[in-house]
Amino acid sequence: MSQPPPKRIPVELNKSIGLTEYFSRLTDGLYFLWHEFTNGLIRLPEYTVSTLPDPVSNVRRQIYVSNESGGATIAFSDGVNWRRVQDRAIVS
């Protein structure tokens, strides 16, 4: 179980830093996110056509469909159907 967040800002985060240090930290953070994203940090949940979740309760979510008729694809829910990202066709 995770611990609740602190009720006050830790002293080390409350210290003022200069713009150079701020942008250095920001650049480091953005590089980390870019590096992790391009190396597979984001993984979509995988389904087959027969096990697709309900699109109505998954509006705006994305999934990986491993056995779609046109080949494996990424799909999104429009609130009614699961649609292929590349052409918006309904997953079948």
PDB file of N, CA and C in Angstrom:
ATOM      1  N   MET A   1       0.848  -1.173   0.000  1.00  0.00           N
ATOM      2  CA  MET A   1       0.000   0.000   0.000  1.00  0.00           C
ATOM      3  C   MET A   1       0.894   1.236   0.000  1.00  0.00           C
ATOM      4  N   SER A   2       0.573   2.190  -0.826  1.00  0.00           N
ATOM      5  CA  SER A   2       1.379   3.404  -0.886  1.00  0.00           C
ATOM      6  C   SER A   2       1.010   4.337   0.259  1.00  0.00           C
ATOM      7  N   GLN A   3       1.970   5.155   0.638  1.00  0.00           N
ATOM      8  CA  GLN A   3       1.733   6.105   1.713  1.00  0.00           C
ATOM      9  C   GLN A   3       1.062   7.356   1.170  1.00  0.00           C
ATOM     10  N   PRO A   4       0.273   8.015   2.004  1.00  0.00           N
ATOM     11  CA  PRO A   4      -0.376   9.246   1.542  1.00  0.00           C
ATOM     12  C   PRO A   4       0.673  10.324   1.291  1.00  0.00           C
ATOM     13  N   PRO A   5       0.368  11.280   0.421  1.00  0.00           N
ATOM     14  CA  PRO A   5       1.317  12.354   0.151  1.00  0.00           C
ATOM     15  C   PRO A   5       1.506  13.232   1.388  1.00  0.00           C
ATOM     16  N   PRO A   6       2.665  13.886   1.496  1.00  0.00           N
ATOM     17  CA  PRO A   6       2.878  14.749   2.658  1.00  0.00           C
ATOM     18  C   PRO A   6       1.897  15.916   2.656  1.00  0.00           C
ATOM     19  N   LYS A   7       1.583  16.405   3.841  1.00  0.00           N
ATOM     20  CA  LYS A   7       0.624  17.507   3.961  1.00  0.00           C
ATOM     21  C   LYS A   7       1.270  18.861   3.740  1.00  0.00           C
ATOM     22  N   ARG A   8       2.593  18.909   3.701  1.00  0.00           N
ATOM     23  CA  ARG A   8       3.278  20.165   3.418  1.00  0.00           C
ATOM     24  C   ARG A   8       4.398  19.897   2.417  1.00  0.00           C
ATOM     25  N   ILE A   9       4.836  20.926   1.777  1.00  0.00           N
ATOM     26  CA  ILE A   9       5.896  20.791   0.783  1.00  0.00           C
ATOM     27  C   ILE A   9       7.210  20.530   1.506  1.00  0.00           C
ATOM     28  N   PRO A  10       7.946  19.467   1.132  1.00  0.00           N
ATOM     29  CA  PRO A  10       9.239  19.218   1.771  1.00  0.00           C
ATOM     30  C   PRO A  10      10.162  20.424   1.608  1.00  0.00           C
ATOM     31  N   VAL A  11      10.994  20.654   2.601  1.00  0.00           N
ATOM     32  CA  VAL A  11      11.876  21.819   2.616  1.00  0.00           C
ATOM     33  C   VAL A  11      12.735  21.883   1.368  1.00  0.00           C
ATOM     34  N   GLU A  12      13.257  20.731   0.909  1.00  0.00           N
ATOM     35  CA  GLU A  12      14.137  20.741  -0.262  1.00  0.00           C
ATOM     36  C   GLU A  12      13.418  21.174  -1.535  1.00  0.00           C
ATOM     37  N   LEU A  13      12.093  21.022  -1.603  1.00  0.00           N
ATOM     38  CA  LEU A  13      11.340  21.473  -2.765  1.00  0.00           C
ATOM     39  C   LEU A  13      10.901  22.925  -2.639  1.00  0.00           C
ATOM     40  N   ASN A  14      10.988  23.453  -1.451  1.00  0.00           N
ATOM     41  CA  ASN A  14      10.529  24.805  -1.195  1.00  0.00           C
ATOM     42  C   ASN A  14      11.626  25.846  -1.430  1.00  0.00           C
ATOM     43  N   LYS A  15      12.839  25.389  -1.675  1.00  0.00           N
ATOM     44  CA  LYS A  15      13.955  26.303  -1.895  1.00  0.00           C
ATOM     45  C   LYS A  15      13.865  26.904  -3.287  1.00  0.00           C
ATOM     46  N   SER A  16      14.228  28.141  -3.382  1.00  0.00           N
ATOM     47  CA  SER A  16      14.232  28.829  -4.665  1.00  0.00           C
ATOM     48  C   SER A  16      15.461  28.406  -5.464  1.00  0.00           C
ATOM     49  N   ILE A  17      15.286  28.159  -6.759  1.00  0.00           N
ATOM     50  CA  ILE A  17      16.423  27.834  -7.624  1.00  0.00           C
ATOM     51  C   ILE A  17      16.457  28.844  -8.763  1.00  0.00           C
ATOM     52  N   GLY A  18      17.627  29.012  -9.325  1.00  0.00           N
ATOM     53  CA  GLY A  18      17.776  29.962 -10.413  1.00  0.00           C
ATOM     54  C   GLY A  18      17.201  29.421 -11.711  1.00  0.00           C
ATOM     55  N   LEU A  19      17.036  30.311 -12.686  1.00  0.00           N
ATOM     56  CA  LEU A  19      16.488  29.902 -13.981  1.00  0.00           C
ATOM     57  C   LEU A  19      17.367  28.873 -14.682  1.00  0.00           C
ATOM     58  N   THR A  20      18.680  29.015 -14.570  1.00  0.00           N
ATOM     59  CA  THR A  20      19.580  28.062 -15.223  1.00  0.00           C
ATOM     60  C   THR A  20      19.362  26.664 -14.663  1.00  0.00           C
ATOM     61  N   GLU A  21      19.289  26.545 -13.348  1.00  0.00           N
ATOM     62  CA  GLU A  21      19.059  25.243 -12.715  1.00  0.00           C
ATOM     63  C   GLU A  21      17.673  24.712 -13.068  1.00  0.00           C
ATOM     64  N   TYR A  22      16.684  25.591 -13.078  1.00  0.00           N
ATOM     65  CA  TYR A  22      15.323  25.193 -13.424  1.00  0.00           C
ATOM     66  C   TYR A  22      15.274  24.586 -14.825  1.00  0.00           C
ATOM     67  N   PHE A  23      15.848  25.285 -15.800  1.00  0.00           N
ATOM     68  CA  PHE A  23      15.811  24.785 -17.172  1.00  0.00           C
ATOM     69  C   PHE A  23      16.674  23.544 -17.347  1.00  0.00           C
ATOM     70  N   SER A  24      17.736  23.435 -16.581  1.00  0.00           N
ATOM     71  CA  SER A  24      18.564  22.230 -16.626  1.00  0.00           C
ATOM     72  C   SER A  24      17.756  21.025 -16.151  1.00  0.00           C
ATOM     73  N   ARG A  25      17.041  21.196 -15.042  1.00  0.00           N
ATOM     74  CA  ARG A  25      16.204  20.107 -14.519  1.00  0.00           C
ATOM     75  C   ARG A  25      15.060  19.784 -15.477  1.00  0.00           C
ATOM     76  N   LEU A  26      14.462  20.823 -16.040  1.00  0.00           N
ATOM     77  CA  LEU A  26      13.369  20.620 -16.987  1.00  0.00           C
ATOM     78  C   LEU A  26      13.858  19.846 -18.209  1.00  0.00           C
ATOM     79  N   THR A  27      15.018  20.226 -18.740  1.00  0.00           N
ATOM     80  CA  THR A  27      15.595  19.536 -19.895  1.00  0.00           C
ATOM     81  C   THR A  27      15.889  18.078 -19.565  1.00  0.00           C
ATOM     82  N   ASP A  28      16.458  17.830 -18.383  1.00  0.00           N
ATOM     83  CA  ASP A  28      16.746  16.456 -17.967  1.00  0.00           C
ATOM     84  C   ASP A  28      15.460  15.634 -17.892  1.00  0.00           C
ATOM     85  N   GLY A  29      14.414  16.227 -17.330  1.00  0.00           N
ATOM     86  CA  GLY A  29      13.138  15.519 -17.214  1.00  0.00           C
ATOM     87  C   GLY A  29      12.521  15.223 -18.562  1.00  0.00           C
ATOM     88  N   LEU A  30      12.555  16.192 -19.460  1.00  0.00           N
ATOM     89  CA  LEU A  30      11.990  15.970 -20.802  1.00  0.00           C
ATOM     90  C   LEU A  30      12.781  14.923 -21.571  1.00  0.00           C
ATOM     91  N   TYR A  31      14.118  14.936 -21.424  1.00  0.00           N
ATOM     92  CA  TYR A  31      14.935  13.924 -22.086  1.00  0.00           C
ATOM     93  C   TYR A  31      14.585  12.543 -21.556  1.00  0.00           C
ATOM     94  N   PHE A  32      14.417  12.425 -20.234  1.00  0.00           N
ATOM     95  CA  PHE A  32      14.051  11.143 -19.643  1.00  0.00           C
ATOM     96  C   PHE A  32      12.738  10.638 -20.230  1.00  0.00           C
ATOM     97  N   LEU A  33      11.716  11.512 -20.294  1.00  0.00           N
ATOM     98  CA  LEU A  33      10.419  11.099 -20.841  1.00  0.00           C
ATOM     99  C   LEU A  33      10.538  10.687 -22.304  1.00  0.00           C
ATOM    100  N   TRP A  34      11.274  11.465 -23.103  1.00  0.00           N
ATOM    101  CA  TRP A  34      11.459  11.124 -24.512  1.00  0.00           C
ATOM    102  C   TRP A  34      12.165   9.779 -24.642  1.00  0.00           C
ATOM    103  N   HIS A  35      13.219   9.587 -23.877  1.00  0.00           N
ATOM    104  CA  HIS A  35      13.985   8.339 -23.941  1.00  0.00           C
ATOM    105  C   HIS A  35      13.110   7.140 -23.568  1.00  0.00           C
ATOM    106  N   GLU A  36      12.371   7.246 -22.473  1.00  0.00           N
ATOM    107  CA  GLU A  36      11.528   6.141 -22.035  1.00  0.00           C
ATOM    108  C   GLU A  36      10.385   5.883 -23.009  1.00  0.00           C
ATOM    109  N   PHE A  37       9.796   6.954 -23.561  1.00  0.00           N
ATOM    110  CA  PHE A  37       8.709   6.788 -24.512  1.00  0.00           C
ATOM    111  C   PHE A  37       9.191   6.061 -25.768  1.00  0.00           C
ATOM    112  N   THR A  38      10.350   6.441 -26.277  1.00  0.00           N
ATOM    113  CA  THR A  38      10.861   5.822 -27.500  1.00  0.00           C
ATOM    114  C   THR A  38      11.404   4.423 -27.253  1.00  0.00           C
ATOM    115  N   ASN A  39      11.596   4.053 -25.993  1.00  0.00           N
ATOM    116  CA  ASN A  39      12.089   2.717 -25.676  1.00  0.00           C
ATOM    117  C   ASN A  39      11.015   1.842 -25.043  1.00  0.00           C
ATOM    118  N   GLY A  40       9.762   2.192 -25.217  1.00  0.00           N
ATOM    119  CA  GLY A  40       8.679   1.300 -24.831  1.00  0.00           C
ATOM    120  C   GLY A  40       8.094   1.490 -23.453  1.00  0.00           C
ATOM    121  N   LEU A  41       8.200   2.665 -22.872  1.00  0.00           N
ATOM    122  CA  LEU A  41       7.609   2.882 -21.559  1.00  0.00           C
ATOM    123  C   LEU A  41       6.092   2.731 -21.619  1.00  0.00           C
ATOM    124  N   ILE A  42       5.493   3.252 -22.675  1.00  0.00           N
ATOM    125  CA  ILE A  42       4.042   3.191 -22.810  1.00  0.00           C
ATOM    126  C   ILE A  42       3.658   1.902 -23.529  1.00  0.00           C
ATOM    127  N   ARG A  43       2.930   1.053 -22.837  1.00  0.00           N
ATOM    128  CA  ARG A  43       2.454  -0.195 -23.424  1.00  0.00           C
ATOM    129  C   ARG A  43       0.939  -0.241 -23.296  1.00  0.00           C
ATOM    130  N   LEU A  44       0.301  -0.449 -24.420  1.00  0.00           N
ATOM    131  CA  LEU A  44      -1.153  -0.514 -24.415  1.00  0.00           C
ATOM    132  C   LEU A  44      -1.602  -1.903 -23.989  1.00  0.00           C
ATOM    133  N   PRO A  45      -2.757  -1.998 -23.344  1.00  0.00           N
ATOM    134  CA  PRO A  45      -3.286  -3.315 -23.010  1.00  0.00           C
ATOM    135  C   PRO A  45      -3.599  -4.085 -24.293  1.00  0.00           C
ATOM    136  N   GLU A  46      -3.317  -5.384 -24.286  1.00  0.00           N
ATOM    137  CA  GLU A  46      -3.486  -6.207 -25.485  1.00  0.00           C
ATOM    138  C   GLU A  46      -4.756  -7.053 -25.412  1.00  0.00           C
ATOM    139  N   TYR A  47      -5.494  -7.062 -26.521  1.00  0.00           N
ATOM    140  CA  TYR A  47      -6.726  -7.844 -26.628  1.00  0.00           C
ATOM    141  C   TYR A  47      -6.759  -8.537 -27.979  1.00  0.00           C
ATOM    142  N   THR A  48      -7.616  -9.544 -28.075  1.00  0.00           N
ATOM    143  CA  THR A  48      -7.954 -10.129 -29.374  1.00  0.00           C
ATOM    144  C   THR A  48      -9.341  -9.594 -29.733  1.00  0.00           C
ATOM    145  N   VAL A  49      -9.737  -9.774 -30.968  1.00  0.00           N
ATOM    146  CA  VAL A  49     -11.045  -9.278 -31.403  1.00  0.00           C
ATOM    147  C   VAL A  49     -12.162  -9.860 -30.531  1.00  0.00           C
ATOM    148  N   SER A  50     -12.038 -11.115 -30.156  1.00  0.00           N
ATOM    149  CA  SER A  50     -13.102 -11.751 -29.371  1.00  0.00           C
ATOM    150  C   SER A  50     -13.105 -11.326 -27.901  1.00  0.00           C
ATOM    151  N   THR A  51     -12.046 -10.680 -27.436  1.00  0.00           N
ATOM    152  CA  THR A  51     -11.995 -10.279 -26.029  1.00  0.00           C
ATOM    153  C   THR A  51     -12.003  -8.757 -25.839  1.00  0.00           C
ATOM    154  N   LEU A  52     -12.398  -8.008 -26.863  1.00  0.00           N
ATOM    155  CA  LEU A  52     -12.404  -6.549 -26.753  1.00  0.00           C
ATOM    156  C   LEU A  52     -13.302  -6.097 -25.603  1.00  0.00           C
ATOM    157  N   PRO A  53     -12.848  -5.135 -24.816  1.00  0.00           N
ATOM    158  CA  PRO A  53     -13.709  -4.622 -23.747  1.00  0.00           C
ATOM    159  C   PRO A  53     -14.829  -3.759 -24.318  1.00  0.00           C
ATOM    160  N   ASP A  54     -15.783  -3.448 -23.485  1.00  0.00           N
ATOM    161  CA  ASP A  54     -16.934  -2.648 -23.898  1.00  0.00           C
ATOM    162  C   ASP A  54     -16.481  -1.243 -24.314  1.00  0.00           C
ATOM    163  N   PRO A  55     -16.762  -0.836 -25.559  1.00  0.00           N
ATOM    164  CA  PRO A  55     -16.322   0.489 -26.007  1.00  0.00           C
ATOM    165  C   PRO A  55     -17.063   1.632 -25.323  1.00  0.00           C
ATOM    166  N   VAL A  56     -18.290   1.392 -24.869  1.00  0.00           N
ATOM    167  CA  VAL A  56     -19.077   2.446 -24.230  1.00  0.00           C
ATOM    168  C   VAL A  56     -18.425   2.893 -22.922  1.00  0.00           C
ATOM    169  N   SER A  57     -17.923   1.941 -22.142  1.00  0.00           N
ATOM    170  CA  SER A  57     -17.313   2.297 -20.853  1.00  0.00           C
ATOM    171  C   SER A  57     -15.815   2.590 -20.976  1.00  0.00           C
ATOM    172  N   ASN A  58     -15.292   2.614 -22.192  1.00  0.00           N
ATOM    173  CA  ASN A  58     -13.867   2.882 -22.409  1.00  0.00           C
ATOM    174  C   ASN A  58     -13.627   4.002 -23.413  1.00  0.00           C
ATOM    175  N   VAL A  59     -14.501   4.994 -23.423  1.00  0.00           N
ATOM    176  CA  VAL A  59     -14.399   6.114 -24.368  1.00  0.00           C
ATOM    177  C   VAL A  59     -13.022   6.762 -24.268  1.00  0.00           C
ATOM    178  N   ARG A  60     -12.407   7.032 -25.442  1.00  0.00           N
ATOM    179  CA  ARG A  60     -11.114   7.706 -25.587  1.00  0.00           C
ATOM    180  C   ARG A  60      -9.931   6.868 -25.111  1.00  0.00           C
ATOM    181  N   ARG A  61     -10.122   5.603 -24.843  1.00  0.00           N
ATOM    182  CA  ARG A  61      -9.002   4.741 -24.451  1.00  0.00           C
ATOM    183  C   ARG A  61      -8.425   4.079 -25.697  1.00  0.00           C
ATOM    184  N   GLN A  62      -7.148   3.702 -25.613  1.00  0.00           N
ATOM    185  CA  GLN A  62      -6.485   3.014 -26.710  1.00  0.00           C
ATOM    186  C   GLN A  62      -6.066   1.628 -26.261  1.00  0.00           C
ATOM    187  N   ILE A  63      -6.075   0.694 -27.213  1.00  0.00           N
ATOM    188  CA  ILE A  63      -5.675  -0.682 -26.945  1.00  0.00           C
ATOM    189  C   ILE A  63      -4.886  -1.221 -28.138  1.00  0.00           C
ATOM    190  N   TYR A  64      -4.226  -2.351 -27.932  1.00  0.00           N
ATOM    191  CA  TYR A  64      -3.528  -3.062 -28.999  1.00  0.00           C
ATOM    192  C   TYR A  64      -4.340  -4.304 -29.305  1.00  0.00           C
ATOM    193  N   VAL A  65      -4.751  -4.461 -30.561  1.00  0.00           N
ATOM    194  CA  VAL A  65      -5.526  -5.637 -30.974  1.00  0.00           C
ATOM    195  C   VAL A  65      -4.596  -6.529 -31.783  1.00  0.00           C
ATOM    196  N   SER A  66      -4.296  -7.711 -31.236  1.00  0.00           N
ATOM    197  CA  SER A  66      -3.260  -8.567 -31.823  1.00  0.00           C
ATOM    198  C   SER A  66      -3.700  -9.340 -33.055  1.00  0.00           C
ATOM    199  N   ASN A  67      -4.991  -9.559 -33.220  1.00  0.00           N
ATOM    200  CA  ASN A  67      -5.428 -10.404 -34.347  1.00  0.00           C
ATOM    201  C   ASN A  67      -6.508  -9.748 -35.202  1.00  0.00           C
ATOM    202  N   GLU A  68      -6.435  -8.454 -35.384  1.00  0.00           N
ATOM    203  CA  GLU A  68      -7.410  -7.749 -36.211  1.00  0.00           C
ATOM    204  C   GLU A  68      -7.310  -8.264 -37.650  1.00  0.00           C
ATOM    205  N   SER A  69      -8.393  -8.208 -38.421  1.00  0.00           N
ATOM    206  CA  SER A  69      -8.421  -8.800 -39.765  1.00  0.00           C
ATOM    207  C   SER A  69      -7.351  -8.236 -40.702  1.00  0.00           C
ATOM    208  N   GLY A  70      -6.949  -6.990 -40.534  1.00  0.00           N
ATOM    209  CA  GLY A  70      -5.903  -6.398 -41.367  1.00  0.00           C
ATOM    210  C   GLY A  70      -4.518  -6.550 -40.766  1.00  0.00           C
ATOM    211  N   GLY A  71      -4.403  -7.273 -39.661  1.00  0.00           N
ATOM    212  CA  GLY A  71      -3.140  -7.417 -38.943  1.00  0.00           C
ATOM    213  C   GLY A  71      -3.215  -6.691 -37.608  1.00  0.00           C
ATOM    214  N   ALA A  72      -2.246  -6.921 -36.775  1.00  0.00           N
ATOM    215  CA  ALA A  72      -2.220  -6.290 -35.453  1.00  0.00           C
ATOM    216  C   ALA A  72      -2.300  -4.777 -35.609  1.00  0.00           C
ATOM    217  N   THR A  73      -3.032  -4.131 -34.696  1.00  0.00           N
ATOM    218  CA  THR A  73      -3.246  -2.687 -34.818  1.00  0.00           C
ATOM    219  C   THR A  73      -3.508  -2.042 -33.473  1.00  0.00           C
ATOM    220  N   ILE A  74      -3.367  -0.742 -33.434  1.00  0.00           N
ATOM    221  CA  ILE A  74      -3.789   0.041 -32.283  1.00  0.00           C
ATOM    222  C   ILE A  74      -5.204   0.531 -32.584  1.00  0.00           C
ATOM    223  N   ALA A  75      -6.065   0.466 -31.569  1.00  0.00           N
ATOM    224  CA  ALA A  75      -7.458   0.876 -31.753  1.00  0.00           C
ATOM    225  C   ALA A  75      -7.862   1.814 -30.622  1.00  0.00           C
ATOM    226  N   PHE A  76      -8.902   2.600 -30.872  1.00  0.00           N
ATOM    227  CA  PHE A  76      -9.432   3.503 -29.850  1.00  0.00           C
ATOM    228  C   PHE A  76     -10.946   3.368 -29.808  1.00  0.00           C
ATOM    229  N   SER A  77     -11.522   3.694 -28.660  1.00  0.00           N
ATOM    230  CA  SER A  77     -12.973   3.651 -28.512  1.00  0.00           C
ATOM    231  C   SER A  77     -13.550   5.025 -28.798  1.00  0.00           C
ATOM    232  N   ASP A  78     -14.553   5.061 -29.676  1.00  0.00           N
ATOM    233  CA  ASP A  78     -15.258   6.316 -29.949  1.00  0.00           C
ATOM    234  C   ASP A  78     -16.543   6.414 -29.122  1.00  0.00           C
ATOM    235  N   GLY A  79     -16.713   5.482 -28.202  1.00  0.00           N
ATOM    236  CA  GLY A  79     -17.906   5.458 -27.354  1.00  0.00           C
ATOM    237  C   GLY A  79     -18.969   4.517 -27.858  1.00  0.00           C
ATOM    238  N   VAL A  80     -18.815   4.031 -29.094  1.00  0.00           N
ATOM    239  CA  VAL A  80     -19.768   3.089 -29.692  1.00  0.00           C
ATOM    240  C   VAL A  80     -19.030   1.854 -30.202  1.00  0.00           C
ATOM    241  N   ASN A  81     -17.903   2.065 -30.868  1.00  0.00           N
ATOM    242  CA  ASN A  81     -17.122   0.978 -31.459  1.00  0.00           C
ATOM    243  C   ASN A  81     -15.639   1.151 -31.158  1.00  0.00           C
ATOM    244  N   TRP A  82     -14.890   0.055 -31.342  1.00  0.00           N
ATOM    245  CA  TRP A  82     -13.436   0.128 -31.347  1.00  0.00           C
ATOM    246  C   TRP A  82     -13.028   0.376 -32.785  1.00  0.00           C
ATOM    247  N   ARG A  83     -12.218   1.409 -33.023  1.00  0.00           N
ATOM    248  CA  ARG A  83     -11.815   1.774 -34.373  1.00  0.00           C
ATOM    249  C   ARG A  83     -10.302   1.723 -34.516  1.00  0.00           C
ATOM    250  N   ARG A  84      -9.860   1.291 -35.709  1.00  0.00           N
ATOM    251  CA  ARG A  84      -8.429   1.274 -36.001  1.00  0.00           C
ATOM    252  C   ARG A  84      -7.917   2.707 -36.093  1.00  0.00           C
ATOM    253  N   VAL A  85      -6.767   2.966 -35.522  1.00  0.00           N
ATOM    254  CA  VAL A  85      -6.193   4.314 -35.553  1.00  0.00           C
ATOM    255  C   VAL A  85      -5.864   4.741 -36.991  1.00  0.00           C
ATOM    256  N   GLN A  86      -5.322   3.831 -37.787  1.00  0.00           N
ATOM    257  CA  GLN A  86      -4.825   4.220 -39.113  1.00  0.00           C
ATOM    258  C   GLN A  86      -5.905   4.652 -40.096  1.00  0.00           C
ATOM    259  N   ASP A  87      -7.125   4.103 -39.988  1.00  0.00           N
ATOM    260  CA  ASP A  87      -8.151   4.461 -40.973  1.00  0.00           C
ATOM    261  C   ASP A  87      -9.551   4.633 -40.381  1.00  0.00           C
ATOM    262  N   ARG A  88      -9.673   4.548 -39.077  1.00  0.00           N
ATOM    263  CA  ARG A  88     -10.935   4.695 -38.344  1.00  0.00           C
ATOM    264  C   ARG A  88     -11.971   3.614 -38.684  1.00  0.00           C
ATOM    265  N   ALA A  89     -11.569   2.550 -39.363  1.00  0.00           N
ATOM    266  CA  ALA A  89     -12.490   1.442 -39.631  1.00  0.00           C
ATOM    267  C   ALA A  89     -12.780   0.702 -38.326  1.00  0.00           C
ATOM    268  N   ILE A  90     -13.978   0.153 -38.225  1.00  0.00           N
ATOM    269  CA  ILE A  90     -14.355  -0.602 -37.033  1.00  0.00           C
ATOM    270  C   ILE A  90     -13.530  -1.882 -36.982  1.00  0.00           C
ATOM    271  N   VAL A  91     -13.000  -2.194 -35.818  1.00  0.00           N
ATOM    272  CA  VAL A  91     -12.181  -3.403 -35.629  1.00  0.00           C
ATOM    273  C   VAL A  91     -13.064  -4.621 -35.879  1.00  0.00           C
ATOM    274  N   SER A  92     -12.536  -5.545 -36.698  1.00  0.00           N
ATOM    275  CA  SER A  92     -13.295  -6.775 -36.981  1.00  0.00           C
ATOM    276  C   SER A  92     -12.374  -7.977 -37.004  1.00  0.00           C
TER     277      SER A  92
END
